[in-house]
N, C-alpha and C. Protein backbone atom coordinates (compact mmCIF):
# COMPACT_ATOMS: atom_id res chain seq x y z
N MET A 1 43.92 125.06 -82.08
CA MET A 1 43.23 123.91 -81.77
C MET A 1 43.77 122.22 -82.45
N LYS A 2 43.99 121.17 -81.64
CA LYS A 2 44.60 120.04 -82.12
C LYS A 2 43.85 119.49 -82.92
N GLN A 3 44.20 119.14 -84.29
CA GLN A 3 43.27 118.46 -85.12
C GLN A 3 42.69 116.85 -84.74
N LEU A 4 41.71 116.37 -85.02
CA LEU A 4 41.33 115.00 -84.55
C LEU A 4 41.32 114.21 -85.53
N ASN A 5 42.17 112.79 -85.72
CA ASN A 5 42.47 111.92 -87.10
C ASN A 5 40.98 111.26 -86.74
N CYS A 6 40.21 110.87 -88.24
CA CYS A 6 38.94 110.09 -87.88
C CYS A 6 39.21 109.41 -88.96
N LEU A 7 38.39 107.89 -88.70
CA LEU A 7 37.95 107.02 -89.58
C LEU A 7 36.29 107.36 -89.95
N ILE A 8 36.00 106.72 -91.14
CA ILE A 8 34.53 106.73 -91.18
C ILE A 8 34.17 105.52 -91.94
N ILE A 9 33.53 104.79 -90.88
CA ILE A 9 33.16 103.22 -91.23
C ILE A 9 31.97 102.94 -91.75
N ASP A 10 31.52 102.66 -92.76
CA ASP A 10 30.27 102.63 -93.16
C ASP A 10 30.06 101.74 -94.36
N ASP A 11 29.03 100.76 -94.68
CA ASP A 11 29.10 99.72 -95.94
C ASP A 11 28.16 100.41 -97.17
N GLN A 12 27.67 101.93 -96.82
CA GLN A 12 27.13 102.57 -98.11
C GLN A 12 27.98 103.94 -98.76
N PRO A 13 28.07 103.95 -99.45
CA PRO A 13 28.80 105.02 -100.21
C PRO A 13 28.34 106.21 -99.96
N ILE A 14 27.35 106.16 -99.85
CA ILE A 14 26.44 107.28 -99.98
C ILE A 14 26.68 107.90 -98.59
N ALA A 15 26.72 107.18 -97.92
CA ALA A 15 26.65 107.69 -95.97
C ALA A 15 28.15 108.04 -95.84
N ARG A 16 29.20 107.11 -96.37
CA ARG A 16 30.68 107.48 -96.28
C ARG A 16 31.00 109.10 -96.74
N ALA A 17 30.17 109.21 -97.91
CA ALA A 17 30.49 110.51 -98.43
C ALA A 17 30.02 111.98 -97.72
N GLY A 18 28.75 111.31 -97.22
CA GLY A 18 28.15 112.04 -96.37
C GLY A 18 28.61 112.68 -95.07
N ILE A 19 29.15 111.96 -94.51
CA ILE A 19 29.90 111.99 -93.30
C ILE A 19 31.17 112.94 -93.60
N ALA A 20 31.74 112.17 -94.76
CA ALA A 20 33.12 113.07 -95.25
C ALA A 20 33.05 114.34 -95.43
N ASP A 21 31.84 114.60 -96.06
CA ASP A 21 31.90 116.47 -96.48
C ASP A 21 31.35 116.71 -95.27
N TYR A 22 30.97 116.57 -93.85
CA TYR A 22 30.23 117.00 -93.03
C TYR A 22 32.00 117.36 -92.16
N CYS A 23 32.65 116.26 -92.12
CA CYS A 23 33.89 116.62 -91.68
C CYS A 23 34.79 117.45 -92.30
N ASN A 24 34.56 117.89 -93.53
CA ASN A 24 35.70 118.78 -94.23
C ASN A 24 35.18 120.20 -93.96
N GLU A 25 33.88 120.18 -93.34
CA GLU A 25 33.53 121.67 -93.10
C GLU A 25 34.06 122.01 -91.53
N ILE A 26 34.81 121.22 -91.09
CA ILE A 26 34.99 121.56 -89.38
C ILE A 26 36.72 121.36 -89.27
N SER A 27 37.24 122.86 -88.95
CA SER A 27 38.77 122.67 -88.78
C SER A 27 39.24 121.59 -88.30
N PHE A 28 38.82 121.16 -87.03
CA PHE A 28 39.80 120.26 -86.16
C PHE A 28 39.37 118.79 -86.53
N LEU A 29 38.73 118.53 -87.44
CA LEU A 29 38.60 117.13 -87.99
C LEU A 29 39.55 116.92 -89.41
N HIS A 30 40.60 115.78 -89.22
CA HIS A 30 41.11 115.39 -89.92
C HIS A 30 40.45 113.72 -90.62
N VAL A 31 40.19 113.31 -91.69
CA VAL A 31 39.74 112.27 -92.07
C VAL A 31 40.88 111.50 -92.53
N ILE A 32 41.23 110.16 -92.07
CA ILE A 32 42.37 109.59 -92.61
C ILE A 32 42.17 108.70 -93.64
N ALA A 33 41.07 108.08 -93.28
CA ALA A 33 40.27 106.99 -94.58
C ALA A 33 38.59 106.81 -94.30
N LEU A 34 37.96 106.36 -95.57
CA LEU A 34 36.93 105.97 -95.29
C LEU A 34 36.69 104.01 -95.89
N CYS A 35 36.22 103.84 -95.06
CA CYS A 35 36.18 102.34 -94.80
C CYS A 35 34.98 101.67 -95.04
N LYS A 36 34.80 100.71 -95.89
CA LYS A 36 33.42 99.90 -96.20
C LYS A 36 32.84 99.08 -95.33
N ASN A 37 34.14 98.75 -94.58
CA ASN A 37 33.73 97.50 -93.07
C ASN A 37 34.75 97.33 -92.04
N ALA A 38 34.30 97.01 -90.85
CA ALA A 38 35.16 97.46 -89.86
C ALA A 38 36.62 96.78 -89.96
N LEU A 39 36.32 95.39 -91.08
CA LEU A 39 37.72 94.85 -90.87
C LEU A 39 38.80 95.80 -91.58
N GLN A 40 38.19 96.28 -92.50
CA GLN A 40 38.96 97.28 -93.32
C GLN A 40 39.58 98.47 -92.48
N ALA A 41 39.00 98.86 -91.56
CA ALA A 41 39.54 99.95 -90.42
C ALA A 41 40.68 99.40 -89.73
N ASN A 42 40.92 98.15 -89.72
CA ASN A 42 41.80 97.57 -88.55
C ASN A 42 43.25 98.08 -89.30
N HIS A 43 43.56 97.95 -90.54
CA HIS A 43 44.51 98.62 -91.40
C HIS A 43 45.15 99.99 -90.74
N TYR A 44 44.19 100.76 -90.71
CA TYR A 44 44.38 102.50 -90.21
C TYR A 44 44.36 102.32 -88.96
N LEU A 45 43.97 101.49 -88.11
CA LEU A 45 44.44 101.79 -86.83
C LEU A 45 45.43 101.02 -86.40
N GLU A 46 46.30 100.56 -87.06
CA GLU A 46 47.17 99.94 -87.06
C GLU A 46 48.66 100.92 -87.27
N LYS A 47 48.22 101.48 -88.35
CA LYS A 47 48.92 102.38 -89.02
C LYS A 47 49.13 103.96 -88.74
N ASN A 48 48.20 104.37 -87.82
CA ASN A 48 47.90 105.77 -87.51
C ASN A 48 47.59 105.78 -86.20
N HIS A 49 47.58 107.22 -85.76
CA HIS A 49 46.80 107.25 -84.38
C HIS A 49 45.66 107.73 -84.69
N ILE A 50 44.41 107.00 -84.41
CA ILE A 50 43.09 107.61 -84.75
C ILE A 50 42.81 108.21 -83.40
N ASP A 51 41.73 109.56 -83.09
CA ASP A 51 41.03 109.85 -82.31
C ASP A 51 39.49 109.62 -82.20
N LEU A 52 39.13 109.84 -83.58
CA LEU A 52 37.63 109.61 -83.52
C LEU A 52 37.14 108.72 -84.61
N ILE A 53 36.32 107.86 -84.23
CA ILE A 53 35.55 107.02 -85.50
C ILE A 53 34.41 107.36 -85.05
N PHE A 54 33.77 107.41 -86.75
CA PHE A 54 32.54 107.60 -87.12
C PHE A 54 31.97 106.06 -87.52
N LEU A 55 31.14 105.37 -87.12
CA LEU A 55 30.90 104.05 -86.99
C LEU A 55 29.31 103.71 -87.19
N ASP A 56 28.85 102.82 -88.70
CA ASP A 56 27.57 102.17 -88.56
C ASP A 56 27.65 101.38 -87.70
N ILE A 57 26.45 100.35 -87.49
CA ILE A 57 26.26 99.58 -86.79
C ILE A 57 25.96 98.25 -87.72
N ASN A 58 25.10 98.53 -88.66
CA ASN A 58 24.76 97.08 -89.41
C ASN A 58 25.48 97.14 -90.70
N MET A 59 26.46 96.05 -90.70
CA MET A 59 27.56 96.20 -91.78
C MET A 59 27.64 94.47 -91.78
N PRO A 60 28.11 94.17 -93.27
CA PRO A 60 28.38 92.88 -93.83
C PRO A 60 29.35 92.34 -93.00
N LEU A 61 29.69 91.35 -92.87
CA LEU A 61 31.07 90.49 -92.16
C LEU A 61 30.94 90.69 -90.65
N LEU A 62 31.01 91.78 -90.07
CA LEU A 62 31.33 92.22 -88.84
C LEU A 62 30.04 93.25 -88.39
N SER A 63 29.22 93.29 -87.19
CA SER A 63 28.68 94.45 -86.88
C SER A 63 29.76 95.43 -86.00
N GLY A 64 28.95 96.87 -86.64
CA GLY A 64 29.82 97.82 -85.53
C GLY A 64 30.17 97.69 -84.33
N ILE A 65 29.02 97.09 -83.68
CA ILE A 65 29.45 96.73 -81.93
C ILE A 65 29.96 95.41 -81.90
N ASP A 66 29.78 94.51 -82.63
CA ASP A 66 30.72 93.45 -82.36
C ASP A 66 32.44 93.74 -82.83
N TRP A 67 32.37 94.73 -83.58
CA TRP A 67 33.91 95.25 -83.87
C TRP A 67 34.46 95.67 -82.98
N LEU A 68 33.74 96.61 -82.05
CA LEU A 68 34.23 97.53 -81.17
C LEU A 68 34.20 96.94 -80.01
N LYS A 69 33.42 95.62 -79.80
CA LYS A 69 33.93 94.78 -79.00
C LYS A 69 35.38 94.29 -78.38
N SER A 70 35.72 93.99 -79.78
CA SER A 70 37.02 92.91 -80.50
C SER A 70 38.08 94.20 -79.68
N LEU A 71 38.02 95.45 -79.81
CA LEU A 71 39.40 96.44 -79.89
C LEU A 71 39.43 96.31 -78.01
N LYS A 72 40.87 96.30 -77.87
CA LYS A 72 41.62 96.39 -76.44
C LYS A 72 41.09 98.04 -75.90
N LYS A 73 41.94 98.97 -77.05
CA LYS A 73 41.46 100.33 -76.68
C LYS A 73 40.90 100.93 -77.88
N PRO A 74 39.76 101.30 -77.64
CA PRO A 74 39.22 102.12 -78.74
C PRO A 74 39.38 103.48 -78.74
N PRO A 75 39.31 103.93 -80.04
CA PRO A 75 39.46 105.67 -79.97
C PRO A 75 37.75 105.96 -79.12
N SER A 76 37.73 107.20 -79.32
CA SER A 76 36.38 107.79 -79.44
C SER A 76 35.59 107.30 -80.30
N VAL A 77 34.37 107.41 -80.24
CA VAL A 77 33.41 106.84 -81.34
C VAL A 77 32.02 107.46 -81.24
N ILE A 78 31.56 108.03 -82.12
CA ILE A 78 30.29 108.21 -82.84
C ILE A 78 29.28 107.59 -83.85
N MET A 79 28.78 106.73 -82.88
CA MET A 79 27.60 105.87 -83.74
C MET A 79 26.91 106.53 -85.05
N THR A 80 26.47 106.28 -85.99
CA THR A 80 26.00 106.67 -87.15
C THR A 80 25.13 105.92 -87.58
N THR A 81 23.91 105.58 -87.62
CA THR A 81 23.00 104.43 -87.93
C THR A 81 21.72 104.72 -87.83
N ALA A 82 20.99 103.77 -88.35
CA ALA A 82 19.67 103.90 -88.73
C ALA A 82 18.75 103.14 -87.42
N TYR A 83 19.57 102.54 -86.72
CA TYR A 83 18.92 101.80 -85.67
C TYR A 83 19.05 102.52 -84.33
N GLU A 84 18.01 102.77 -83.63
CA GLU A 84 17.70 103.27 -82.28
C GLU A 84 18.07 102.50 -81.34
N GLU A 85 17.82 101.39 -81.26
CA GLU A 85 17.99 100.37 -80.42
C GLU A 85 19.06 99.76 -79.95
N TYR A 86 20.06 100.19 -80.50
CA TYR A 86 21.47 99.55 -79.95
C TYR A 86 22.21 100.96 -79.27
N ALA A 87 21.29 101.88 -78.89
CA ALA A 87 21.84 103.25 -78.30
C ALA A 87 22.70 102.88 -76.45
N LEU A 88 21.74 102.52 -75.97
CA LEU A 88 22.16 101.99 -74.56
C LEU A 88 23.40 100.96 -74.69
N GLU A 89 23.24 100.06 -75.33
CA GLU A 89 24.21 98.97 -75.36
C GLU A 89 26.04 99.96 -75.81
N SER A 90 25.52 100.52 -76.99
CA SER A 90 26.58 101.03 -77.29
C SER A 90 27.62 102.13 -76.43
N PHE A 91 26.88 102.95 -75.53
CA PHE A 91 27.37 103.36 -74.76
C PHE A 91 28.54 103.08 -73.69
N SER A 92 28.26 101.54 -73.53
CA SER A 92 29.58 100.94 -72.89
C SER A 92 30.94 100.78 -73.30
N TYR A 93 30.67 101.42 -74.54
CA TYR A 93 32.08 100.48 -75.03
C TYR A 93 32.86 102.01 -75.65
N ASN A 94 32.89 102.94 -75.37
CA ASN A 94 33.26 104.12 -75.65
C ASN A 94 32.99 105.20 -76.59
N VAL A 95 31.63 104.91 -76.61
CA VAL A 95 30.68 105.70 -77.86
C VAL A 95 30.50 106.93 -77.17
N LEU A 96 30.92 107.88 -77.73
CA LEU A 96 30.45 109.26 -76.93
C LEU A 96 28.96 109.70 -77.49
N ASP A 97 28.74 109.47 -78.45
CA ASP A 97 27.40 110.04 -79.29
C ASP A 97 26.90 109.11 -79.95
N TYR A 98 25.49 109.25 -80.39
CA TYR A 98 24.75 108.15 -81.15
C TYR A 98 23.68 108.72 -82.22
N LEU A 99 24.21 108.93 -83.23
CA LEU A 99 23.51 109.69 -84.50
C LEU A 99 22.33 109.20 -85.43
N ILE A 100 21.31 109.38 -85.23
CA ILE A 100 20.28 108.46 -86.30
C ILE A 100 20.33 109.02 -87.18
N LYS A 101 20.53 108.27 -88.37
CA LYS A 101 20.25 108.39 -90.00
C LYS A 101 18.56 108.91 -90.28
N PRO A 102 18.55 109.92 -90.93
CA PRO A 102 19.29 110.87 -91.71
C PRO A 102 19.99 112.00 -90.64
N ILE A 103 21.26 112.22 -90.61
CA ILE A 103 21.96 113.15 -89.48
C ILE A 103 21.85 114.84 -90.12
N SER A 104 21.46 115.61 -89.51
CA SER A 104 21.21 116.96 -89.57
C SER A 104 22.95 117.63 -89.67
N PHE A 105 23.14 118.46 -90.07
CA PHE A 105 24.60 119.20 -89.98
C PHE A 105 24.80 119.40 -88.36
N ASN A 106 23.41 120.39 -88.12
CA ASN A 106 23.70 120.67 -86.53
C ASN A 106 23.71 119.78 -85.40
N ARG A 107 23.41 118.22 -86.15
CA ARG A 107 23.23 117.34 -84.76
C ARG A 107 24.65 116.67 -84.98
N PHE A 108 25.22 116.92 -86.39
CA PHE A 108 26.70 116.09 -86.28
C PHE A 108 27.69 117.10 -85.32
N LEU A 109 27.48 118.68 -85.95
CA LEU A 109 28.61 119.62 -84.98
C LEU A 109 28.22 119.43 -83.56
N LYS A 110 27.13 119.12 -82.95
CA LYS A 110 26.89 118.97 -81.89
C LYS A 110 27.63 117.88 -81.06
N ALA A 111 27.55 116.82 -82.05
CA ALA A 111 28.31 115.43 -81.48
C ALA A 111 29.79 115.54 -81.51
N VAL A 112 30.56 116.22 -82.74
CA VAL A 112 31.93 116.39 -82.49
C VAL A 112 32.76 117.53 -81.49
N HIS A 113 31.65 118.48 -81.00
CA HIS A 113 32.09 119.18 -80.34
C HIS A 113 32.13 118.90 -78.97
N LYS A 114 31.02 117.80 -78.57
CA LYS A 114 31.21 117.05 -77.38
C LYS A 114 32.48 116.24 -77.25
N VAL A 115 32.84 115.39 -78.56
CA VAL A 115 33.91 114.60 -78.64
C VAL A 115 35.15 115.54 -78.41
N ASN A 116 35.27 116.70 -78.78
CA ASN A 116 36.41 117.52 -78.64
C ASN A 116 36.72 118.16 -77.03
N ASN A 117 35.19 118.38 -76.66
CA ASN A 117 35.79 118.69 -75.36
C ASN A 117 36.07 117.96 -74.23
N TYR A 118 35.32 116.22 -74.64
CA TYR A 118 35.60 115.17 -73.92
C TYR A 118 37.30 114.64 -74.11
N LEU A 119 37.77 115.04 -75.04
CA LEU A 119 39.21 114.43 -75.12
C LEU A 119 40.07 115.81 -74.52
N LEU A 120 39.91 117.10 -74.54
CA LEU A 120 40.39 117.94 -73.85
C LEU A 120 40.47 117.73 -72.25
N HIS A 121 39.11 117.15 -71.98
CA HIS A 121 38.96 117.11 -70.43
C HIS A 121 39.98 115.86 -69.85
N LYS A 122 39.97 114.81 -71.15
CA LYS A 122 40.46 113.55 -70.83
C LYS A 122 42.09 113.82 -70.64
N SER A 123 42.67 114.55 -71.81
CA SER A 123 43.95 114.87 -71.69
C SER A 123 44.46 115.59 -70.49
N GLU A 124 43.86 116.73 -69.97
CA GLU A 124 43.91 117.57 -69.33
C GLU A 124 44.03 117.05 -67.67
N ASN A 125 42.84 116.38 -67.69
CA ASN A 125 42.54 115.80 -66.16
C ASN A 125 42.33 114.32 -66.39
N ASP A 126 43.13 113.53 -66.43
CA ASP A 126 43.16 111.89 -66.51
C ASP A 126 42.97 111.48 -65.03
N VAL A 127 43.36 112.37 -63.88
CA VAL A 127 43.46 111.94 -62.75
C VAL A 127 42.99 112.65 -61.90
N LEU A 128 42.51 112.51 -60.31
CA LEU A 128 42.26 113.14 -59.16
C LEU A 128 43.02 112.32 -58.05
N PHE A 129 43.04 113.26 -56.75
CA PHE A 129 43.34 112.45 -55.88
C PHE A 129 42.58 112.44 -54.62
N LEU A 130 42.03 111.51 -53.96
CA LEU A 130 41.17 111.52 -52.95
C LEU A 130 41.56 111.22 -51.56
N LYS A 131 41.93 111.98 -50.59
CA LYS A 131 42.05 111.65 -49.41
C LYS A 131 41.27 110.41 -48.89
N SER A 132 42.12 109.33 -48.43
CA SER A 132 41.08 108.01 -47.62
C SER A 132 42.28 107.33 -46.88
N GLU A 133 41.76 106.70 -45.98
CA GLU A 133 42.35 106.40 -44.75
C GLU A 133 43.97 106.54 -44.27
N LYS A 134 43.91 108.04 -44.20
CA LYS A 134 44.85 108.73 -44.04
C LYS A 134 46.18 109.02 -45.18
N GLN A 135 45.89 108.77 -46.07
CA GLN A 135 46.55 108.46 -47.45
C GLN A 135 45.94 109.44 -48.70
N LEU A 136 46.70 109.81 -49.70
CA LEU A 136 45.93 110.31 -50.89
C LEU A 136 46.13 109.38 -52.10
N LYS A 137 45.14 108.87 -52.33
CA LYS A 137 44.83 107.97 -53.60
C LYS A 137 44.55 108.58 -55.11
N LYS A 138 45.63 107.88 -55.72
CA LYS A 138 44.99 108.42 -57.28
C LYS A 138 44.62 107.63 -57.87
N VAL A 139 43.40 108.06 -58.11
CA VAL A 139 42.10 107.60 -59.28
C VAL A 139 42.07 108.11 -60.37
N ASP A 140 42.07 106.96 -61.53
CA ASP A 140 41.84 107.37 -62.93
C ASP A 140 40.35 107.86 -62.93
N ILE A 141 40.07 108.82 -63.35
CA ILE A 141 38.62 109.32 -63.79
C ILE A 141 37.67 108.10 -64.75
N ASN A 142 38.61 107.71 -65.58
CA ASN A 142 37.83 107.24 -66.36
C ASN A 142 37.60 105.96 -65.92
N ASP A 143 37.87 105.28 -64.67
CA ASP A 143 38.04 104.02 -63.97
C ASP A 143 36.66 104.08 -63.42
N ILE A 144 36.01 105.75 -62.75
CA ILE A 144 35.34 105.87 -62.01
C ILE A 144 33.88 105.19 -62.40
N LEU A 145 33.02 104.41 -61.82
CA LEU A 145 31.74 103.67 -62.07
C LEU A 145 30.72 104.77 -61.54
N PHE A 146 30.83 105.37 -60.32
CA PHE A 146 29.81 106.19 -59.94
C PHE A 146 30.17 106.39 -58.33
N ALA A 147 29.31 107.34 -57.36
CA ALA A 147 29.83 108.11 -56.42
C ALA A 147 28.39 107.75 -55.82
N GLN A 148 28.57 107.46 -54.45
CA GLN A 148 27.31 107.88 -53.63
C GLN A 148 27.50 108.49 -52.37
N ALA A 149 26.79 109.48 -52.01
CA ALA A 149 26.93 110.05 -50.89
C ALA A 149 26.33 109.52 -49.61
N LEU A 150 27.13 109.44 -48.67
CA LEU A 150 27.04 109.05 -47.40
C LEU A 150 27.07 110.15 -46.13
N GLN A 151 26.01 110.76 -45.77
CA GLN A 151 26.14 111.96 -44.89
C GLN A 151 27.29 112.77 -45.18
N ASN A 152 28.33 112.80 -44.25
CA ASN A 152 29.61 113.73 -44.78
C ASN A 152 30.73 112.96 -45.71
N TYR A 153 30.52 111.90 -46.03
CA TYR A 153 31.31 110.99 -46.97
C TYR A 153 30.78 110.80 -48.21
N ILE A 154 32.01 110.28 -49.07
CA ILE A 154 31.24 109.91 -49.93
C ILE A 154 31.83 108.31 -50.75
N LYS A 155 31.10 107.64 -51.35
CA LYS A 155 31.83 106.40 -51.62
C LYS A 155 31.91 106.43 -53.17
N VAL A 156 32.98 106.18 -53.64
CA VAL A 156 33.49 106.31 -54.95
C VAL A 156 33.96 104.76 -55.44
N ILE A 157 33.04 104.16 -56.06
CA ILE A 157 33.11 102.75 -56.81
C ILE A 157 33.88 103.03 -57.99
N THR A 158 35.11 102.10 -58.42
CA THR A 158 35.83 102.31 -59.57
C THR A 158 36.00 101.14 -59.94
N GLN A 159 36.53 100.84 -61.10
CA GLN A 159 36.83 99.37 -62.11
C GLN A 159 37.66 98.40 -60.70
N LYS A 160 38.35 99.38 -59.90
CA LYS A 160 39.38 98.39 -59.49
C LYS A 160 39.16 98.45 -57.90
N GLU A 161 38.65 99.26 -57.10
CA GLU A 161 38.37 99.48 -56.19
C GLU A 161 37.27 100.42 -55.32
N THR A 162 36.81 100.16 -54.13
CA THR A 162 35.99 101.18 -53.36
C THR A 162 36.64 102.13 -52.65
N ILE A 163 36.54 103.26 -52.65
CA ILE A 163 37.26 104.35 -51.94
C ILE A 163 36.02 105.13 -50.91
N ILE A 164 36.60 105.56 -49.61
CA ILE A 164 35.60 106.13 -48.97
C ILE A 164 36.40 107.27 -48.48
N THR A 165 35.92 108.72 -49.03
CA THR A 165 36.46 109.84 -48.68
C THR A 165 35.85 111.02 -48.32
N GLN A 166 36.23 111.71 -47.27
CA GLN A 166 35.13 112.81 -46.49
C GLN A 166 35.43 114.13 -47.37
N MET A 167 34.28 114.22 -48.11
CA MET A 167 33.73 115.74 -49.07
C MET A 167 32.17 115.51 -49.11
N SER A 168 31.63 116.58 -50.02
CA SER A 168 30.41 116.38 -50.46
C SER A 168 30.43 115.95 -51.68
N LEU A 169 29.26 115.96 -51.75
CA LEU A 169 29.00 115.03 -53.45
C LEU A 169 29.32 116.17 -54.51
N LYS A 170 28.78 117.24 -54.39
CA LYS A 170 28.95 118.48 -54.94
C LYS A 170 30.55 118.97 -55.26
N SER A 171 31.05 118.83 -54.42
CA SER A 171 32.68 119.22 -53.98
C SER A 171 33.57 118.00 -55.27
N PHE A 172 32.82 116.70 -54.96
CA PHE A 172 33.62 115.55 -56.07
C PHE A 172 33.07 115.97 -57.38
N LYS A 173 31.67 116.33 -57.44
CA LYS A 173 31.40 116.24 -58.96
C LYS A 173 32.13 117.60 -59.41
N ASP A 174 32.50 118.73 -59.09
CA ASP A 174 32.99 119.74 -59.27
C ASP A 174 34.34 119.50 -59.66
N GLN A 175 34.72 118.41 -59.49
CA GLN A 175 36.11 117.96 -60.05
C GLN A 175 36.29 117.30 -61.14
N LEU A 176 34.94 116.76 -61.66
CA LEU A 176 34.99 115.75 -62.78
C LEU A 176 34.58 116.63 -64.04
N PRO A 177 34.89 115.62 -64.97
CA PRO A 177 34.51 116.61 -66.34
C PRO A 177 32.85 116.66 -66.64
N GLN A 178 32.20 117.62 -66.82
CA GLN A 178 30.86 117.63 -66.78
C GLN A 178 30.12 117.02 -67.92
N ASP A 179 30.52 116.73 -68.82
CA ASP A 179 29.84 115.98 -69.85
C ASP A 179 29.95 114.76 -69.51
N HIS A 180 30.98 114.09 -68.84
CA HIS A 180 31.35 112.68 -68.52
C HIS A 180 30.25 111.70 -67.71
N PHE A 181 30.02 112.94 -66.61
CA PHE A 181 29.13 112.19 -65.32
C PHE A 181 27.98 113.05 -65.35
N ILE A 182 26.84 112.46 -64.64
CA ILE A 182 25.38 112.68 -64.42
C ILE A 182 25.24 112.58 -63.48
N GLN A 183 24.24 113.74 -62.48
CA GLN A 183 23.74 113.57 -61.51
C GLN A 183 22.41 112.40 -61.49
N THR A 184 22.31 111.42 -61.09
CA THR A 184 20.93 110.71 -61.00
C THR A 184 19.80 110.69 -60.06
N HIS A 185 20.55 111.25 -58.86
CA HIS A 185 19.71 111.20 -57.60
C HIS A 185 20.23 112.15 -56.78
N LYS A 186 20.03 112.52 -55.45
CA LYS A 186 20.57 113.63 -54.44
C LYS A 186 21.66 112.69 -54.05
N SER A 187 22.03 111.57 -54.03
CA SER A 187 22.88 110.80 -53.54
C SER A 187 23.78 110.04 -54.63
N TYR A 188 23.41 110.35 -55.75
CA TYR A 188 24.52 109.38 -56.79
C TYR A 188 24.80 110.22 -57.56
N ILE A 189 26.12 110.15 -58.73
CA ILE A 189 26.68 110.39 -59.76
C ILE A 189 27.07 109.48 -60.61
N VAL A 190 26.71 109.45 -61.33
CA VAL A 190 27.29 108.29 -62.26
C VAL A 190 27.93 108.46 -63.64
N SER A 191 29.22 107.59 -64.16
CA SER A 191 29.78 107.91 -64.99
C SER A 191 28.86 107.42 -66.57
N LYS A 192 28.36 108.65 -67.55
CA LYS A 192 27.29 107.88 -68.34
C LYS A 192 28.59 106.88 -69.56
N TYR A 193 29.47 106.67 -69.48
CA TYR A 193 29.77 105.83 -70.28
C TYR A 193 30.16 104.20 -69.92
N LYS A 194 29.94 104.33 -68.65
CA LYS A 194 30.14 103.15 -67.77
C LYS A 194 28.19 102.45 -67.89
N VAL A 195 27.58 103.04 -68.26
CA VAL A 195 26.03 102.45 -68.24
C VAL A 195 25.74 101.59 -68.84
N ASP A 196 25.31 100.47 -68.27
CA ASP A 196 24.82 99.37 -69.35
C ASP A 196 23.43 99.29 -69.77
N ALA A 197 22.38 99.74 -68.58
CA ALA A 197 21.26 99.89 -69.12
C ALA A 197 20.67 100.94 -68.38
N ILE A 198 19.24 101.51 -69.00
CA ILE A 198 18.61 102.12 -67.83
C ILE A 198 17.35 101.40 -67.81
N VAL A 199 16.67 100.61 -66.42
CA VAL A 199 15.53 100.12 -66.44
C VAL A 199 14.61 100.98 -65.68
N GLU A 200 13.05 101.16 -66.15
CA GLU A 200 12.32 102.21 -65.21
C GLU A 200 13.17 103.16 -64.47
N ASN A 201 13.35 103.22 -63.23
CA ASN A 201 13.74 104.27 -62.31
C ASN A 201 14.98 103.67 -61.89
N GLN A 202 16.15 103.23 -62.66
CA GLN A 202 17.25 102.84 -62.20
C GLN A 202 18.45 102.62 -63.30
N ILE A 203 19.42 102.81 -62.90
CA ILE A 203 20.75 102.71 -64.12
C ILE A 203 21.33 101.59 -64.02
N ILE A 204 21.80 100.74 -64.53
CA ILE A 204 22.13 99.44 -64.38
C ILE A 204 23.95 99.46 -64.88
N ILE A 205 24.89 99.18 -64.06
CA ILE A 205 26.24 99.50 -64.26
C ILE A 205 26.88 97.94 -63.57
N GLY A 206 26.72 96.85 -64.57
CA GLY A 206 27.63 95.63 -64.04
C GLY A 206 26.42 95.25 -63.02
N ASP A 207 26.83 95.02 -62.02
CA ASP A 207 26.06 94.37 -60.85
C ASP A 207 25.37 95.33 -59.71
N TYR A 208 25.49 96.45 -60.19
CA TYR A 208 25.09 97.86 -59.62
C TYR A 208 23.58 98.50 -59.94
N GLU A 209 22.72 98.68 -59.38
CA GLU A 209 21.71 99.39 -59.45
C GLU A 209 21.52 100.61 -59.06
N ILE A 210 21.53 101.72 -59.86
CA ILE A 210 21.67 102.99 -58.72
C ILE A 210 20.27 103.62 -59.45
N PRO A 211 19.96 104.68 -58.22
CA PRO A 211 18.15 104.72 -58.02
C PRO A 211 18.41 106.16 -59.27
N ILE A 212 17.40 106.23 -60.10
CA ILE A 212 17.07 107.88 -60.99
C ILE A 212 15.88 108.33 -59.87
N SER A 213 16.08 110.03 -59.63
CA SER A 213 14.93 110.37 -58.88
C SER A 213 14.23 110.89 -59.94
N VAL A 214 12.80 110.91 -59.52
CA VAL A 214 11.33 111.62 -60.55
C VAL A 214 11.83 112.96 -61.06
N ARG A 215 12.57 113.70 -60.21
CA ARG A 215 12.74 115.16 -60.16
C ARG A 215 14.36 114.95 -61.37
N LEU A 216 15.12 114.23 -61.53
CA LEU A 216 16.01 114.09 -62.31
C LEU A 216 16.01 113.36 -63.43
N LYS A 217 14.87 112.81 -63.46
CA LYS A 217 14.68 111.41 -64.80
C LYS A 217 14.87 112.07 -66.25
N LYS A 218 14.34 113.28 -66.07
CA LYS A 218 14.21 113.49 -67.53
C LYS A 218 15.55 113.98 -68.21
N GLY A 219 15.97 114.47 -67.26
CA GLY A 219 17.23 114.83 -67.62
C GLY A 219 18.28 114.11 -67.75
N VAL A 220 18.40 113.02 -66.80
CA VAL A 220 19.10 112.06 -67.52
C VAL A 220 18.84 111.18 -68.49
N LEU A 221 17.25 111.06 -68.63
CA LEU A 221 17.51 110.48 -70.04
C LEU A 221 17.77 111.27 -71.03
N ASN A 222 17.59 112.40 -71.21
CA ASN A 222 18.27 113.49 -72.37
C ASN A 222 19.91 113.34 -72.56
N SER A 223 20.71 113.09 -71.42
CA SER A 223 21.73 113.12 -71.38
C SER A 223 22.57 112.39 -72.10
N PHE A 224 21.64 111.17 -72.67
CA PHE A 224 22.22 110.11 -73.74
C PHE A 224 21.72 110.09 -75.18
């Protein structure tokens, strides 16, 4: 199993040490450095390949989320924070899990396995090909926002374009990383890492409003 190079960023020494102790118990995690603020972490990002960051939010100089916004291509991130209210916003910035302090080892273990599975899928299945307008169009899975079923077709909305292709929503879903996408409605599949907000029975992605069915709402909320 490939080792994941990690940074731990937290202004509290006890919190940094606690996450490092957890990492040392997991064979595929390798801690590169413990940083007391986000700016200090820039040095290690420049000098090392980093796969995963454990990031606190409320820190001096620059908050974890503000720092994350400044990165052009951030590594995968697990938030480690005492504040629940930033969870939805954080998932817009490549955050794969959100751990509320105090963090149990079981919850930590679940989060790092999620990241490991995500990175395996990402490296093996970054793209797929969709037949559209008598051609096969190459689609980067990480660019997909959501897909909508339209009778015998589906409409795939990406960051770059909209693609209409003839297949069922289930067939399309089966081609996607299962922990990356969620079904919110019988006619919609959404990339949960592109979600900006959840408002009542709708998911907001940019200017798009995607419905959440009553039957699926509990599962949708539990997936974040």
